[in-house]
Protein backbone atom coordinates (compact mmCIF):
# COMPACT_ATOMS: atom_id res chain seq x y z
CA MET A 1 19.02 32.24 -12.39
CA LYS A 2 17.47 33.68 -15.57
CA SER A 3 16.49 31.80 -18.98
CA PRO A 4 18.89 32.77 -21.95
CA ALA A 5 17.37 34.92 -24.48
CA PHE A 6 15.23 33.34 -26.91
CA GLU A 7 11.92 34.30 -29.12
CA TYR A 8 8.67 33.56 -28.25
CA LEU A 9 5.87 32.62 -30.80
CA GLN A 10 1.88 31.72 -29.87
CA ALA A 11 1.03 29.29 -32.16
CA GLN A 12 -2.80 29.15 -33.53
CA ASP A 13 -2.99 26.23 -34.73
CA ILE A 14 -1.14 22.72 -35.00
CA ALA A 15 0.15 23.63 -38.14
CA ASP A 16 1.33 26.83 -37.32
CA ALA A 17 3.33 25.13 -34.41
CA MET A 18 4.91 22.51 -36.48
CA SER A 19 5.64 25.04 -38.94
CA ALA A 20 7.35 27.41 -36.93
CA TYR A 21 9.40 24.25 -35.24
CA ASP A 22 10.51 23.34 -38.54
CA SER A 23 11.63 27.10 -39.85
CA ALA A 24 14.12 27.20 -36.17
CA GLU A 25 15.56 23.63 -37.58
CA GLY A 26 14.56 21.99 -34.30
CA ASP A 27 16.16 24.94 -32.23
CA ALA A 28 12.27 25.31 -30.26
CA VAL A 29 10.57 23.84 -27.71
CA TYR A 30 6.76 23.52 -27.26
CA LEU A 31 5.77 25.48 -24.09
CA SER A 32 1.54 24.50 -22.71
CA GLY A 33 1.04 24.95 -19.05
CA GLY A 34 5.15 25.91 -18.58
CA HIS A 35 5.25 23.93 -15.27
CA SER A 36 8.17 21.84 -17.04
CA VAL A 37 9.58 23.88 -19.64
CA VAL A 38 9.85 27.32 -18.00
CA PRO A 39 12.17 25.93 -14.84
CA SER A 40 14.27 24.03 -17.30
CA LEU A 41 14.92 27.47 -19.10
CA ALA A 42 15.31 28.96 -15.80
CA LEU A 43 18.25 26.46 -14.98
CA ARG A 44 19.59 26.92 -18.34
CA LEU A 45 19.18 23.13 -18.97
CA GLN A 46 17.46 24.49 -22.37
CA ALA A 47 18.35 26.78 -24.26
CA PRO A 48 16.28 26.72 -27.34
CA ALA A 49 16.24 29.94 -30.12
CA LEU A 50 12.24 29.66 -30.02
CA VAL A 51 9.44 28.96 -27.55
CA ILE A 52 6.41 27.89 -29.06
CA ASP A 53 3.01 28.75 -26.97
CA ILE A 54 0.79 25.31 -27.82
CA SER A 55 -1.67 26.77 -25.29
CA ARG A 56 -4.38 27.89 -26.89
CA ILE A 57 -4.64 25.31 -29.45
CA SER A 58 -8.32 24.46 -30.09
CA ALA A 59 -7.47 20.72 -31.03
CA LEU A 60 -5.30 20.21 -28.26
CA SER A 61 -8.65 21.00 -25.57
CA GLY A 62 -11.82 19.24 -24.79
CA ILE A 63 -13.13 16.15 -23.03
CA SER A 64 -15.13 13.11 -25.13
CA LEU A 65 -16.67 9.70 -25.04
CA GLU A 66 -15.22 8.22 -29.10
CA ASP A 67 -16.14 4.55 -29.71
CA GLY A 68 -15.48 2.79 -26.33
CA TRP A 69 -12.73 5.44 -25.50
CA LEU A 70 -12.06 8.39 -23.42
CA ARG A 71 -10.33 11.17 -25.50
CA ILE A 72 -8.67 13.47 -23.27
CA GLY A 73 -7.29 16.46 -24.90
CA ALA A 74 -3.60 17.41 -24.15
CA MET A 75 -4.08 20.51 -22.67
CA THR A 76 -6.97 19.25 -19.78
CA ARG A 77 -5.28 20.73 -16.72
CA HIS A 78 -4.56 18.87 -13.65
CA VAL A 79 -7.03 20.51 -11.98
CA GLN A 80 -9.67 18.96 -14.87
CA ALA A 81 -8.18 15.76 -14.53
CA MET A 82 -9.22 15.61 -10.55
CA ASN A 83 -12.57 17.29 -10.97
CA ASP A 84 -14.04 16.51 -14.37
CA PRO A 85 -17.06 13.77 -14.25
CA LEU A 86 -16.27 12.89 -17.31
CA ILE A 87 -12.57 11.27 -16.00
CA ALA A 88 -13.80 10.58 -13.16
CA ALA A 89 -16.02 8.20 -14.41
CA HIS A 90 -14.14 6.58 -17.23
CA ALA A 91 -10.15 7.22 -16.73
CA PRO A 92 -10.91 7.75 -12.78
CA LEU A 93 -6.67 6.37 -11.76
CA PHE A 94 -6.05 10.01 -12.87
CA ALA A 95 -8.99 11.36 -11.11
CA ALA A 96 -7.38 9.71 -7.90
CA ALA A 97 -4.26 10.99 -9.21
CA ALA A 98 -4.70 14.21 -9.41
CA PRO A 99 -4.61 14.82 -5.58
CA PHE A 100 -0.96 13.80 -5.25
CA VAL A 101 -0.02 15.94 -7.78
CA ALA A 102 2.02 19.05 -6.20
CA HIS A 103 0.30 21.91 -4.98
CA PRO A 104 -3.25 23.87 -6.12
CA ALA A 105 -1.11 26.34 -7.92
CA ILE A 106 0.24 23.54 -9.98
CA ARG A 107 -2.52 21.84 -10.61
CA ASN A 108 -4.40 24.87 -11.88
CA ARG A 109 -1.47 25.61 -14.79
CA GLY A 110 -0.16 22.21 -15.31
CA THR A 111 -1.28 19.86 -18.18
CA LEU A 112 -2.10 16.81 -18.48
CA GLY A 113 0.02 16.06 -21.62
CA GLY A 114 2.65 18.30 -20.35
CA SER A 115 3.21 15.56 -17.69
CA LEU A 116 2.86 12.38 -19.77
CA ALA A 117 5.68 14.55 -22.66
CA HIS A 118 7.90 15.51 -20.06
CA ALA A 119 7.98 11.85 -18.47
CA ASP A 120 9.47 12.31 -14.83
CA PRO A 121 9.88 9.08 -13.72
CA ALA A 122 8.83 10.15 -9.91
CA SER A 123 5.41 11.33 -11.88
CA GLU A 124 1.84 10.31 -11.25
CA PHE A 125 -0.35 10.76 -14.03
CA PRO A 126 2.29 8.83 -16.49
CA ALA A 127 1.99 5.26 -14.17
CA ALA A 128 -1.68 5.83 -13.88
CA ALA A 129 -1.56 6.03 -18.22
CA VAL A 130 0.34 3.05 -17.75
CA ALA A 131 -2.29 1.44 -15.33
CA MET A 132 -5.30 2.19 -17.58
CA ARG A 133 -3.29 1.12 -20.85
CA ALA A 134 -4.17 4.24 -22.59
CA GLU A 135 -3.00 5.50 -25.51
CA LEU A 136 -1.30 8.85 -26.42
CA GLU A 137 -2.16 10.63 -29.62
CA ILE A 138 0.62 11.99 -31.16
CA VAL A 139 0.47 14.35 -34.13
CA SER A 140 3.41 14.76 -36.66
CA PRO A 141 3.72 16.55 -40.50
CA GLN A 142 3.24 13.24 -41.84
CA GLY A 143 -0.19 12.32 -40.10
CA ILE A 144 -1.59 11.08 -36.19
CA ARG A 145 -0.41 7.62 -34.40
CA ARG A 146 -1.64 5.92 -31.27
CA VAL A 147 1.18 4.45 -29.12
CA PRO A 148 0.35 2.34 -25.94
CA ALA A 149 1.70 3.71 -23.11
CA ASP A 150 3.52 1.01 -22.25
CA ASP A 151 5.82 1.73 -25.41
CA PHE A 152 5.58 5.27 -25.18
CA PHE A 153 7.90 5.66 -22.03
CA LYS A 154 11.62 5.01 -23.01
CA ASP A 155 13.74 6.22 -20.65
CA ILE A 156 14.35 8.94 -17.68
CA TYR A 157 12.53 12.29 -19.27
CA GLU A 158 12.09 10.04 -22.64
CA THR A 159 8.95 9.63 -24.63
CA ALA A 160 7.90 8.18 -28.14
CA ILE A 161 7.63 11.68 -28.99
CA GLU A 162 9.77 12.68 -32.13
CA PRO A 163 11.69 15.93 -32.40
CA GLY A 164 8.72 18.47 -33.87
CA GLU A 165 6.10 15.99 -33.10
CA ILE A 166 3.29 17.18 -30.76
CA LEU A 167 1.35 15.10 -28.02
CA GLN A 168 -2.63 16.03 -28.89
CA ALA A 169 -4.31 13.51 -26.61
CA ILE A 170 -4.93 10.50 -23.96
CA HIS A 171 -7.59 8.10 -25.10
CA VAL A 172 -8.25 5.73 -22.07
CA PRO A 173 -10.30 2.30 -22.54
CA CYS A 174 -13.81 2.74 -20.89
CA PRO A 175 -13.97 0.78 -17.66
CA VAL A 176 -15.57 -2.66 -17.58
CA PRO A 177 -18.25 -4.32 -15.08
CA GLY A 178 -16.29 -5.55 -12.27
CA GLN A 179 -13.41 -3.26 -12.52
CA MET A 180 -11.56 -1.54 -9.46
CA ILE A 181 -8.67 0.70 -9.09
CA GLY A 182 -6.26 1.92 -6.31
CA PHE A 183 -3.68 4.66 -6.04
CA ASP A 184 -1.68 5.66 -3.63
CA GLU A 185 2.24 7.13 -2.67
CA ILE A 186 4.72 7.54 0.07
CA ALA A 187 6.37 11.10 0.06
CA ARG A 188 8.25 12.85 2.61
CA ARG A 189 5.46 15.60 2.67
CA ARG A 190 2.07 16.33 0.67
CA GLY A 191 2.75 17.16 -2.44
CA ASP A 192 6.44 16.60 -2.79
CA TYR A 193 8.06 14.04 -5.78
CA ALA A 194 6.76 10.34 -3.45
CA MET A 195 9.52 8.15 -3.12
CA VAL A 196 7.78 5.69 -4.14
CA GLY A 197 4.16 5.38 -5.97
CA ALA A 198 1.67 3.07 -7.45
CA ALA A 199 -1.34 2.58 -9.64
CA VAL A 200 -3.34 -0.66 -9.93
CA GLN A 201 -6.55 -1.04 -12.59
CA ALA A 202 -8.02 -4.88 -11.72
CA VAL A 203 -11.24 -6.67 -13.52
CA THR A 204 -12.81 -8.92 -11.43
CA THR A 205 -15.75 -11.57 -12.12
CA ASP A 206 -17.55 -13.74 -9.08
CA GLY A 207 -14.41 -12.62 -6.82
CA VAL A 208 -11.62 -13.86 -9.08
CA ALA A 209 -9.16 -11.73 -11.01
CA ASP A 210 -9.52 -11.66 -14.64
CA ASP A 211 -7.44 -8.97 -15.32
CA VAL A 212 -4.49 -6.69 -13.36
CA SER A 213 -3.03 -4.00 -14.65
CA ILE A 214 -0.47 -2.79 -11.81
CA ALA A 215 2.51 0.53 -12.60
CA LEU A 216 4.87 1.91 -10.45
CA PHE A 217 6.56 4.87 -10.36
CA SER A 218 9.81 6.44 -8.64
CA VAL A 219 11.53 3.32 -8.57
CA GLY A 220 13.11 3.29 -12.11
CA ASP A 221 13.73 5.61 -15.24
CA ARG A 222 9.89 5.40 -16.14
CA PRO A 223 6.92 4.04 -15.33
CA THR A 224 7.41 0.37 -14.27
CA ARG A 225 4.84 -2.58 -14.99
CA ALA A 226 5.26 -5.14 -12.43
CA VAL A 227 4.46 -8.41 -14.36
CA SER A 228 5.34 -10.78 -12.03
CA ALA A 229 3.16 -9.22 -9.65
CA GLN A 230 0.15 -9.74 -12.05
CA ALA A 231 0.53 -12.78 -13.41
CA VAL A 232 0.59 -13.39 -9.11
CA LEU A 233 -3.13 -12.08 -8.87
CA THR A 234 -4.52 -12.63 -12.36
CA GLY A 235 -7.06 -15.99 -12.28
CA SER A 236 -7.41 -15.54 -8.14
CA PRO A 237 -8.90 -13.85 -5.30
CA ILE A 238 -7.39 -10.68 -4.40
CA ASP A 239 -7.17 -12.02 -0.92
CA GLY A 240 -4.61 -11.71 1.82
CA ALA A 241 -2.61 -14.88 0.18
CA ALA A 242 -2.82 -13.15 -2.98
CA ILE A 243 -1.74 -10.09 -2.19
CA ALA A 244 1.67 -11.13 -0.15
CA GLU A 245 2.76 -13.22 -2.71
CA ALA A 246 2.08 -10.26 -5.10
CA GLN A 247 4.53 -8.13 -2.69
CA ALA A 248 7.11 -10.93 -2.72
CA ALA A 249 6.96 -11.01 -6.83
CA LEU A 250 8.13 -7.12 -6.61
CA CYS A 251 11.52 -8.37 -6.25
CA ASP A 252 11.28 -9.65 -9.88
CA ASP A 253 9.74 -6.42 -11.28
CA LEU A 254 11.99 -3.81 -9.42
CA ASP A 255 15.51 -3.16 -9.99
CA PRO A 256 15.00 0.51 -8.09
CA PRO A 257 18.19 2.99 -7.79
CA ASP A 258 20.77 3.01 -4.92
CA ASP A 259 20.97 5.98 -3.45
CA PRO A 260 23.20 7.09 -0.07
CA GLN A 261 20.13 8.44 1.61
CA PHE A 262 17.20 6.04 0.00
CA PRO A 263 18.82 2.64 -0.63
CA ALA A 264 17.35 0.61 -3.26
CA HIS A 265 16.57 -1.85 -0.48
CA MET A 266 14.31 0.35 1.54
CA ARG A 267 12.60 1.73 -1.83
CA LEU A 268 11.60 -2.15 -2.74
CA HIS A 269 10.20 -2.71 1.40
CA LEU A 270 8.24 0.83 0.70
CA ALA A 271 6.98 -0.86 -2.41
CA ARG A 272 5.74 -3.97 -1.36
CA VAL A 273 3.92 -1.77 1.30
CA LEU A 274 2.20 0.40 -0.53
CA LEU A 275 1.33 -2.10 -3.41
CA GLY A 276 -0.23 -4.40 -0.06
CA ARG A 277 -2.07 -1.22 0.89
CA ILE A 278 -3.74 -0.60 -2.02
CA LEU A 279 -5.02 -4.05 -3.23
CA THR A 280 -6.26 -4.07 0.40
CA ASN A 281 -8.56 -0.95 -0.03
CA LEU A 282 -9.53 -1.60 -4.26
CA LYS A 283 -12.36 0.66 -5.20
CA VAL A 284 -15.07 -0.73 -7.17
CA VAL A 285 -15.67 1.95 -10.18
CA ALA A 286 -17.74 -0.36 -13.06
């Protein structure tokens, strides 16, 4: 299919983009990397009067350390998330997740902010953001606010971004001593959407887990925090017995969709297998 006719505007800055959105009376869509918006236009899932290209706005770019947080501009490409040394050191779950995202051609153009704003429940970066307890910087005509990742993802393809607002940056708290991470997914083929995936961050002292953060994806309508599994692991060594208990606890955390070709009990089984694999192979990052 082909997209319906629309007007196109290359915004010069954020104020220009939001002014154009307001002038279109909301009948507009922002375009960054294009790997979510363009297919939806082609399939006529969206039919805006105006497409506002925000890809060249300088305020949406850049990666920097600020007061114990890594600030990542929303226009950061997937390939940058995979290769940038600051992201590798201070937002390691983004770096770990990036190789699983689609294929090189898409990673070269797709943006981190676009992936988070699109909020596909099978996407890797949203779960990584939740596991790292990132905060999302949203700009509107009224100012800037930061929303914790746990509160940012509302439903399938739905976030805390209100119409006309723009996701400007992602803030990730810098790693602390004893911090470990793990990321993996199960997919039919490399680059396919995951059947189930998980991002894990843990902090240990003398072999005991002080803090555990687990987010699974492709198991519900948004990244899913495994609260019960986290509680099992916190305060104990992450050993075989604790891992087995955490795997069992996933039945309290997950209510995956039932599909004739992929029943819920199978997705839950794969989530347990995957969590065990990740917890057994956690990598120290700080």
